[in-house]
């Protein structure tokens, strides 16, 4: 039996044990792992430092290095996320609905685990802990395949997770790491219908497209984030500048960072000079002709800029005639992730909420809040930009399915 077949077989066998764990067992396991993350922080930092040193030598961009980097604070956040998941209501076994048919049959739906969840992801080692936590709470086994740039970090985190589970005498194979980072192995994982019930890609456009196009396992697509902020004519300018600064510069290498600005022409003469704060932070602004006439020193945008997820210190800027053009532009170029309007006009806010096609639509707030932790999910398995099964930050319920349960008292079909 080859490498991936062995992992798949182990996952499937373990699934029959994990799905029947009691709520108290799952919560104790999550808390045990959280404690291990805290206790073994020095070990995690040492292993992560090896990954970071290697990618720096290879010339990785600073924003991408930031995605890879672990710190005391980030490890604490990983542990805190697991503890939050433990406190959340367990959806498994919940009866979603129950109706009585005219013939007396009681037909209902019960929430159950998906089974084995495969996740292919890049760079961010915190995904390893988040994915385990959400899968474990929902009675799923996780097969994780991270990128080669984070392999030492991921192996270290998996070791710590399994240590925590072992202390509670829980199945350590509830989480399995694909340590072979060859692309051929990832392709094999995409074809493991016999063992994997759903596959979730997290990463850049290329990774996601590859999984969607080549997987024979059902895929939940987590899209890239070309997120827009539209500054309406009635916007509070100080609020707009603060939100734009946060959405773009708080962390540039994440999918919910703002990549595109759209500004109403009436406020553009004062709004565009006001976003000088971005350029003070070395953010390159790629602007259309109208914006470049208002403010010198910006780069002229090309057509490719409007649909670009930069994940870097770059942002596009377009001036529009009004909210209709803003909505049209955003819906044409967005990736269905997160969009925000800054306005004091109630009608404009409602129109934006109604007509923007995205998983998360904001009024007067930063797109950086599109996150499972911020939404109260404890963590997230990814942010789905598709419309089937799940959309937006995917928490516990997104990792479940339902089965019909039917109670009768002797009914037969005539």
Protein backbone atom coordinates (compact mmCIF):
# COMPACT_ATOMS: atom_id res chain seq x y z
CA UNK A 1 0.00 0.00 0.00
CA UNK A 2 1.49 3.38 -1.01
CA UNK A 3 1.96 6.43 1.19
CA UNK A 4 -1.32 8.25 0.52
CA UNK A 5 -3.38 5.07 0.50
CA UNK A 6 -2.08 4.27 3.97
CA UNK A 7 -3.00 7.74 5.23
CA UNK A 8 -6.47 7.44 3.68
CA UNK A 9 -7.08 4.01 5.16
CA UNK A 10 -5.98 5.18 8.62
CA UNK A 11 -8.24 8.23 8.39
CA UNK A 12 -11.26 6.19 7.37
CA UNK A 13 -10.75 3.69 10.16
CA UNK A 14 -10.29 6.45 12.73
CA UNK A 15 -13.40 8.25 11.47
CA UNK A 16 -15.61 5.51 12.89
CA UNK A 17 -14.16 6.23 16.34
CA UNK A 18 -14.05 10.03 16.24
CA UNK A 19 -17.64 10.50 15.06
CA UNK A 20 -18.97 8.78 18.18
CA UNK A 21 -16.88 10.66 20.75
CA UNK A 22 -18.94 12.35 23.43
CA UNK A 23 -19.10 16.11 23.62
CA UNK A 24 -17.16 16.09 26.90
CA UNK A 25 -14.39 13.98 25.37
CA UNK A 26 -14.00 16.31 22.41
CA UNK A 27 -13.95 19.39 24.61
CA UNK A 28 -11.39 17.86 26.97
CA UNK A 29 -9.24 16.94 23.98
CA UNK A 30 -9.36 20.46 22.60
CA UNK A 31 -8.43 22.00 25.95
CA UNK A 32 -5.60 19.49 26.39
CA UNK A 33 -4.17 20.44 23.00
CA UNK A 34 -4.51 24.13 23.86
CA UNK A 35 -2.45 23.58 27.00
CA UNK A 36 0.18 21.66 25.02
CA UNK A 37 0.49 24.52 22.53
CA UNK A 38 1.19 26.90 25.39
CA UNK A 39 3.63 24.57 27.14
CA UNK A 40 5.53 23.69 23.97
CA UNK A 41 5.72 27.23 22.58
CA UNK A 42 9.57 27.31 22.65
CA UNK A 43 9.68 24.12 20.55
CA UNK A 44 7.17 25.53 18.06
CA UNK A 45 9.09 28.80 17.74
CA UNK A 46 12.38 26.98 17.12
CA UNK A 47 10.92 24.84 14.35
CA UNK A 48 9.12 27.81 12.78
CA UNK A 49 12.35 29.85 12.82
CA UNK A 50 13.95 27.18 10.60
CA UNK A 51 11.17 27.58 8.03
CA UNK A 52 11.40 31.37 8.15
CA UNK A 53 15.18 31.36 7.75
CA UNK A 54 14.93 29.14 4.67
CA UNK A 55 12.30 31.22 2.86
CA UNK A 56 14.19 34.44 3.59
CA UNK A 57 17.20 32.94 1.84
CA UNK A 58 14.94 32.04 -1.08
CA UNK A 59 13.76 35.67 -1.36
CA UNK A 60 10.16 35.34 -0.21
CA UNK A 61 8.28 38.68 0.03
CA UNK A 62 7.90 40.16 3.54
CA UNK A 63 4.08 39.96 3.43
CA UNK A 64 4.28 36.25 2.67
CA UNK A 65 6.89 35.69 5.39
CA UNK A 66 4.44 37.30 7.81
CA UNK A 67 1.88 34.62 6.89
CA UNK A 68 4.42 31.95 7.80
CA UNK A 69 5.74 33.52 10.99
CA UNK A 70 4.77 32.21 14.43
CA UNK A 71 5.12 34.39 17.52
CA UNK A 72 4.24 33.93 21.18
CA UNK A 73 1.11 35.95 20.55
CA UNK A 74 0.05 33.90 17.52
CA UNK A 75 0.59 30.60 19.32
CA UNK A 76 -1.42 31.94 22.25
CA UNK A 77 -4.17 32.87 19.76
CA UNK A 78 -4.10 29.33 18.35
CA UNK A 79 -4.55 27.90 21.84
CA UNK A 80 -7.24 30.43 22.68
CA UNK A 81 -9.07 29.50 19.47
CA UNK A 82 -9.18 25.83 20.50
CA UNK A 83 -10.52 26.77 23.93
CA UNK A 84 -13.20 28.90 22.28
CA UNK A 85 -14.18 25.99 20.03
CA UNK A 86 -14.49 23.79 23.12
CA UNK A 87 -16.97 26.27 24.61
CA UNK A 88 -19.13 26.40 21.50
CA UNK A 89 -22.31 24.38 21.18
CA UNK A 90 -21.62 20.99 19.62
CA UNK A 91 -23.76 20.73 16.48
CA UNK A 92 -23.39 16.96 16.11
CA UNK A 93 -26.60 15.09 16.91
CA UNK A 94 -28.74 18.23 16.73
CA UNK A 95 -32.19 17.62 15.28
CA UNK A 96 -32.56 20.38 12.71
CA UNK A 97 -36.26 19.81 11.98
CA UNK A 98 -39.04 17.33 12.68
CA UNK A 99 -42.43 17.20 10.97
CA UNK A 100 -45.34 14.78 11.14
CA UNK A 101 -46.73 13.66 7.79
CA UNK A 102 -50.47 12.94 7.27
CA UNK A 103 -49.72 9.21 7.44
CA UNK A 104 -48.20 9.62 10.89
CA UNK A 105 -44.52 9.34 9.87
CA UNK A 106 -42.25 11.68 11.79
CA UNK A 107 -39.55 12.89 9.39
CA UNK A 108 -36.65 14.96 10.64
CA UNK A 109 -33.05 15.92 9.94
CA UNK A 110 -30.12 15.28 12.25
CA UNK A 111 -26.72 16.95 11.97
CA UNK A 112 -23.83 14.48 11.48
CA UNK A 113 -20.09 14.69 10.64
CA UNK A 114 -18.88 14.84 7.05
CA UNK A 115 -16.41 12.04 7.84
CA UNK A 116 -12.87 12.64 6.54
CA UNK A 117 -12.00 16.21 5.63
CA UNK A 118 -8.92 16.87 3.49
CA UNK A 119 -7.34 20.32 3.53
CA UNK A 120 -4.61 21.52 1.15
CA UNK A 121 -3.17 24.85 2.20
CA UNK A 122 -0.19 27.18 1.93
CA UNK A 123 2.14 28.97 4.31
CA UNK A 124 0.03 29.75 7.38
CA UNK A 125 0.82 27.20 10.12
CA UNK A 126 -2.02 28.43 12.33
CA UNK A 127 -4.35 26.74 9.83
CA UNK A 128 -3.01 23.41 11.11
CA UNK A 129 -4.37 24.01 14.60
CA UNK A 130 -7.59 25.70 13.44
CA UNK A 131 -8.41 22.89 11.01
CA UNK A 132 -7.81 20.23 13.63
CA UNK A 133 -9.96 22.02 16.20
CA UNK A 134 -12.99 22.50 13.98
CA UNK A 135 -12.78 19.02 12.50
CA UNK A 136 -12.36 17.35 15.88
CA UNK A 137 -15.27 19.24 17.46
CA UNK A 138 -17.52 18.12 14.61
CA UNK A 139 -16.45 14.48 14.77
CA UNK A 140 -14.40 14.59 11.56
CA UNK A 141 -10.91 13.26 10.88
CA UNK A 142 -8.59 15.79 9.22
CA UNK A 143 -5.97 14.98 6.59
CA UNK A 144 -3.77 18.07 6.29
CA UNK A 145 -1.37 18.86 3.48
CA UNK A 146 0.50 22.14 4.00
CA UNK A 147 3.11 23.78 1.81
CA UNK A 148 6.80 22.93 1.77
CA UNK A 149 7.67 26.38 3.14
CA UNK A 150 5.95 25.54 6.46
CA UNK A 151 6.74 21.84 6.73
CA UNK A 152 8.82 22.02 9.94
CA UNK A 153 6.22 24.26 11.60
CA UNK A 154 3.35 21.98 10.59
CA UNK A 155 5.13 18.82 11.74
CA UNK A 156 5.81 20.48 15.09
CA UNK A 157 2.20 21.59 15.54
CA UNK A 158 0.90 18.12 14.63
CA UNK A 159 3.25 16.57 17.18
CA UNK A 160 1.92 18.90 19.87
CA UNK A 161 -1.71 18.18 18.89
CA UNK A 162 -1.15 14.44 19.06
CA UNK A 163 0.61 14.84 22.45
CA UNK A 164 -2.46 16.64 23.76
CA UNK A 165 -4.83 13.97 22.47
CA UNK A 166 -2.67 11.19 23.91
CA UNK A 167 -2.89 12.71 27.37
CA UNK A 168 -6.67 12.38 27.22
CA UNK A 169 -6.46 8.88 25.71
CA UNK A 170 -8.17 10.07 22.53
CA UNK A 171 -7.43 8.89 18.95
CA UNK A 172 -4.22 10.59 17.84
CA UNK A 173 -5.01 9.75 14.22
CA UNK A 174 -7.90 12.22 14.38
CA UNK A 175 -5.39 14.48 12.61
CA UNK A 176 -2.95 13.24 9.97
CA UNK A 177 -0.29 15.32 8.25
CA UNK A 178 0.87 14.59 4.71
CA UNK A 179 4.59 15.13 5.27
CA UNK A 180 5.56 14.47 1.67
CA UNK A 181 5.29 17.89 -0.04
CA UNK A 182 5.72 16.66 -3.64
CA UNK A 183 3.06 17.94 -6.00
CA UNK A 184 2.33 14.43 -7.20
CA UNK A 185 1.28 13.54 -3.66
CA UNK A 186 -1.14 16.47 -3.57
CA UNK A 187 -2.61 15.26 -6.85
CA UNK A 188 -3.07 11.79 -5.37
CA UNK A 189 -4.90 13.35 -2.44
CA UNK A 190 -7.31 15.05 -4.85
CA UNK A 191 -8.30 11.63 -6.26
CA UNK A 192 -8.91 9.80 -2.97
CA UNK A 193 -12.71 9.52 -3.25
CA UNK A 194 -12.61 6.22 -1.42
CA UNK A 195 -11.26 7.82 1.73
CA UNK A 196 -11.87 11.60 1.69
CA UNK A 197 -15.42 12.96 1.87
CA UNK A 198 -14.65 16.61 1.09
CA UNK A 199 -11.57 18.59 0.11
CA UNK A 200 -10.94 22.21 1.09
CA UNK A 201 -8.14 24.22 -0.57
CA UNK A 202 -6.76 27.30 1.22
CA UNK A 203 -4.20 29.48 -0.47
CA UNK A 204 -3.51 31.46 -3.60
CA UNK A 205 -5.40 31.53 -6.87
CA UNK A 206 -3.17 28.90 -8.47
CA UNK A 207 -3.60 26.37 -5.68
CA UNK A 208 -7.37 26.77 -5.53
CA UNK A 209 -7.76 26.53 -9.32
CA UNK A 210 -5.59 23.41 -9.40
CA UNK A 211 -7.71 21.66 -6.75
CA UNK A 212 -11.04 22.71 -8.30
CA UNK A 213 -9.97 21.59 -11.78
CA UNK A 214 -8.26 18.32 -10.86
CA UNK A 215 -10.05 16.95 -7.81
CA UNK A 216 -12.48 14.07 -8.06
CA UNK A 217 -13.25 14.52 -4.35
CA UNK A 218 -16.05 17.08 -3.72
CA UNK A 219 -14.47 20.52 -3.15
CA UNK A 220 -15.52 23.47 -1.01
CA UNK A 221 -13.83 26.37 -2.79
CA UNK A 222 -12.22 29.00 -0.59
CA UNK A 223 -11.56 31.87 -2.94
CA UNK A 224 -8.94 34.53 -3.21
CA UNK A 225 -9.68 37.95 -1.76
CA UNK A 226 -9.80 40.94 -4.09
CA UNK A 227 -11.62 42.94 -1.42
CA UNK A 228 -12.90 46.46 -2.14
CA UNK A 229 -13.70 49.48 -0.02
CA UNK A 230 -16.03 52.02 -1.63
CA UNK A 231 -15.89 55.57 -0.26
CA UNK A 232 -19.31 57.08 -0.92
CA UNK A 233 -19.96 60.80 -1.40
CA UNK A 234 -21.37 61.14 2.13
CA UNK A 235 -18.53 59.23 3.85
CA UNK A 236 -16.99 60.43 7.10
CA UNK A 237 -13.49 61.06 5.78
CA UNK A 238 -11.66 60.39 9.05
CA UNK A 239 -13.52 57.09 9.40
CA UNK A 240 -12.74 56.19 5.80
CA UNK A 241 -9.01 56.83 6.18
CA UNK A 242 -8.85 54.82 9.40
CA UNK A 243 -10.74 51.86 7.92
CA UNK A 244 -8.72 51.85 4.69
CA UNK A 245 -5.45 51.99 6.61
CA UNK A 246 -6.51 49.08 8.81
CA UNK A 247 -7.94 46.99 5.98
CA UNK A 248 -4.81 47.36 3.88
CA UNK A 249 -1.85 47.59 6.26
CA UNK A 250 -2.77 45.71 9.45
CA UNK A 251 -1.75 42.48 7.66
CA UNK A 252 -1.12 42.65 3.92
CA UNK A 253 -0.66 38.96 3.15
CA UNK A 254 -4.14 37.77 4.11
CA UNK A 255 -7.23 37.18 1.99
CA UNK A 256 -9.43 39.72 3.82
CA UNK A 257 -7.03 42.63 3.32
CA UNK A 258 -8.32 45.45 1.12
CA UNK A 259 -6.78 45.28 -2.35
CA UNK A 260 -8.97 47.80 -4.20
CA UNK A 261 -10.33 51.28 -3.42
CA UNK A 262 -13.31 52.79 -5.20
CA UNK A 263 -14.04 56.49 -4.55
CA UNK A 264 -17.06 58.62 -5.46
CA UNK A 265 -16.06 61.52 -7.74
CA UNK A 266 -17.67 64.13 -5.45
CA UNK A 267 -15.43 63.24 -2.50
CA UNK A 268 -12.39 62.20 -4.53
CA UNK A 269 -10.60 65.60 -4.47
CA UNK A 270 -10.38 65.44 -0.66
CA UNK A 271 -10.47 61.68 -0.11
CA UNK A 272 -7.58 60.77 -2.40
CA UNK A 273 -5.05 63.18 -0.82
CA UNK A 274 -6.28 61.98 2.59
CA UNK A 275 -5.18 58.40 1.92
CA UNK A 276 -1.58 59.62 1.85
CA UNK A 277 -1.24 57.52 5.01
CA UNK A 278 -0.98 54.45 2.78
CA UNK A 279 1.91 55.88 0.83
CA UNK A 280 3.63 56.86 4.06
CA UNK A 281 3.57 53.14 4.85
CA UNK A 282 5.18 52.37 1.47
CA UNK A 283 1.96 51.13 -0.14
CA UNK A 284 2.05 51.61 -3.91
CA UNK A 285 -1.24 53.05 -5.23
CA UNK A 286 -2.14 52.03 -8.80
CA UNK A 287 -4.77 54.50 -9.90
CA UNK A 288 -6.93 55.36 -12.91
CA UNK A 289 -6.47 58.54 -14.93
CA UNK A 290 -8.94 60.64 -12.89
CA UNK A 291 -7.24 59.77 -9.60
CA UNK A 292 -3.77 60.46 -11.03
CA UNK A 293 -4.94 63.96 -12.06
CA UNK A 294 -6.00 64.65 -8.45
CA UNK A 295 -2.86 63.37 -6.73
CA UNK A 296 0.66 63.15 -8.11
CA UNK A 297 3.05 60.29 -7.42
CA UNK A 298 0.66 57.37 -8.01
CA UNK A 299 1.28 54.61 -10.52
CA UNK A 300 -1.03 54.41 -13.54
CA UNK A 301 -3.22 51.30 -13.22
CA UNK A 302 -3.58 48.71 -15.96
CA UNK A 303 -6.65 46.58 -16.67
CA UNK A 304 -5.08 43.66 -14.79
CA UNK A 305 -4.93 45.70 -11.57
CA UNK A 306 -8.71 45.82 -11.09
CA UNK A 307 -8.97 42.08 -10.48
CA UNK A 308 -5.68 41.54 -8.67
CA UNK A 309 -5.18 40.03 -5.23
CA UNK A 310 -1.78 41.55 -4.47
CA UNK A 311 -1.08 40.16 -0.97
CA UNK A 312 1.55 42.88 -0.90
CA UNK A 313 2.05 46.62 -0.32
CA UNK A 314 0.01 47.54 -3.42
CA UNK A 315 -3.57 48.75 -3.82
CA UNK A 316 -5.68 49.80 -6.81
CA UNK A 317 -7.76 52.99 -6.90
CA UNK A 318 -10.67 53.89 -9.18
CA UNK A 319 -12.86 57.00 -9.24
CA UNK A 320 -16.54 56.40 -10.10
CA UNK A 321 -19.53 58.61 -10.88
CA UNK A 322 -21.72 57.15 -8.14
CA UNK A 323 -22.88 54.07 -6.28
CA UNK A 324 -24.30 52.41 -9.41
CA UNK A 325 -20.91 52.45 -11.12
CA UNK A 326 -19.21 51.43 -7.87
CA UNK A 327 -21.42 48.35 -7.49
CA UNK A 328 -20.99 47.44 -11.15
CA UNK A 329 -17.20 47.74 -10.93
CA UNK A 330 -16.97 45.74 -7.70
CA UNK A 331 -19.25 42.95 -8.90
CA UNK A 332 -17.26 42.69 -12.14
CA UNK A 333 -13.84 42.39 -10.52
CA UNK A 334 -14.38 41.02 -7.03
CA UNK A 335 -13.76 37.44 -5.99
CA UNK A 336 -16.90 37.04 -3.90
CA UNK A 337 -15.03 37.50 -0.61
CA UNK A 338 -15.54 40.76 1.35
CA UNK A 339 -16.65 44.24 0.28
CA UNK A 340 -17.24 47.40 2.32
CA UNK A 341 -18.93 50.78 1.85
CA UNK A 342 -18.08 53.89 3.88
CA UNK A 343 -21.16 56.10 3.94
CA UNK A 344 -23.48 58.16 6.09
CA UNK A 345 -26.36 57.65 3.67
CA UNK A 346 -28.76 54.94 4.83
CA UNK A 347 -30.21 54.31 1.37
CA UNK A 348 -26.72 53.87 -0.11
CA UNK A 349 -25.81 51.44 2.66
CA UNK A 350 -28.89 49.30 2.02
CA UNK A 351 -28.37 49.38 -1.75
CA UNK A 352 -24.76 48.23 -1.32
CA UNK A 353 -25.82 45.42 1.04
CA UNK A 354 -28.54 44.28 -1.35
CA UNK A 355 -26.68 44.43 -4.65
CA UNK A 356 -23.06 43.46 -3.90
CA UNK A 357 -22.45 39.79 -4.64
CA UNK A 358 -20.01 38.60 -1.97
CA UNK A 359 -19.80 36.31 1.04
CA UNK A 360 -19.45 39.26 3.47
CA UNK A 361 -20.67 42.82 2.87
CA UNK A 362 -19.84 45.59 5.34
CA UNK A 363 -21.09 49.08 6.12
CA UNK A 364 -18.55 51.37 7.79
CA UNK A 365 -16.15 48.63 8.89
CA UNK A 366 -12.88 47.03 7.83
CA UNK A 367 -12.89 43.93 5.64
CA UNK A 368 -10.32 42.46 8.03
CA UNK A 369 -13.18 41.21 10.23
CA UNK A 370 -14.05 38.40 7.79
CA UNK A 371 -12.56 35.76 10.01
CA UNK A 372 -13.92 32.83 11.98
CA UNK A 373 -12.44 34.07 15.25
CA UNK A 374 -13.92 37.56 14.78
CA UNK A 375 -17.31 36.09 13.84
CA UNK A 376 -17.39 34.10 17.07
CA UNK A 377 -16.60 30.69 15.54
CA UNK A 378 -13.41 30.22 17.57
CA UNK A 379 -11.56 29.59 14.31
CA UNK A 380 -12.38 28.88 10.69
CA UNK A 381 -11.68 26.10 8.23
CA UNK A 382 -11.55 28.67 5.44
CA UNK A 383 -13.64 31.40 3.84
CA UNK A 384 -15.91 29.95 1.18
CA UNK A 385 -16.62 32.17 -1.81
CA UNK A 386 -18.88 29.64 -3.51
CA UNK A 387 -22.62 29.39 -2.95
CA UNK A 388 -23.24 25.69 -2.34
CA UNK A 389 -23.12 24.09 1.12
CA UNK A 390 -21.26 26.96 2.81
CA UNK A 391 -20.43 30.62 2.17
CA UNK A 392 -18.19 33.00 4.10
CA UNK A 393 -16.13 32.00 7.17
CA UNK A 394 -16.73 28.29 7.73
CA UNK A 395 -17.18 27.30 11.33
CA UNK A 396 -18.60 24.17 12.93
CA UNK A 397 -21.86 23.85 10.98
CA UNK A 398 -20.01 24.06 7.65
CA UNK A 399 -18.20 20.83 8.58
CA UNK A 400 -21.41 18.89 9.05
CA UNK A 401 -24.06 17.40 6.85
CA UNK A 402 -27.50 16.06 7.69
CA UNK A 403 -29.26 12.75 7.45
CA UNK A 404 -32.99 12.13 7.54
CA UNK A 405 -34.37 10.26 10.52
CA UNK A 406 -37.84 8.77 10.24
CA UNK A 407 -40.04 7.38 13.01
CA UNK A 408 -43.00 5.20 12.13
CA UNK A 409 -45.45 2.85 13.80
CA UNK A 410 -45.97 0.27 11.08
CA UNK A 411 -46.65 2.45 8.03
CA UNK A 412 -46.33 0.86 4.58
CA UNK A 413 -46.54 2.66 1.24
CA UNK A 414 -49.78 1.96 -0.64
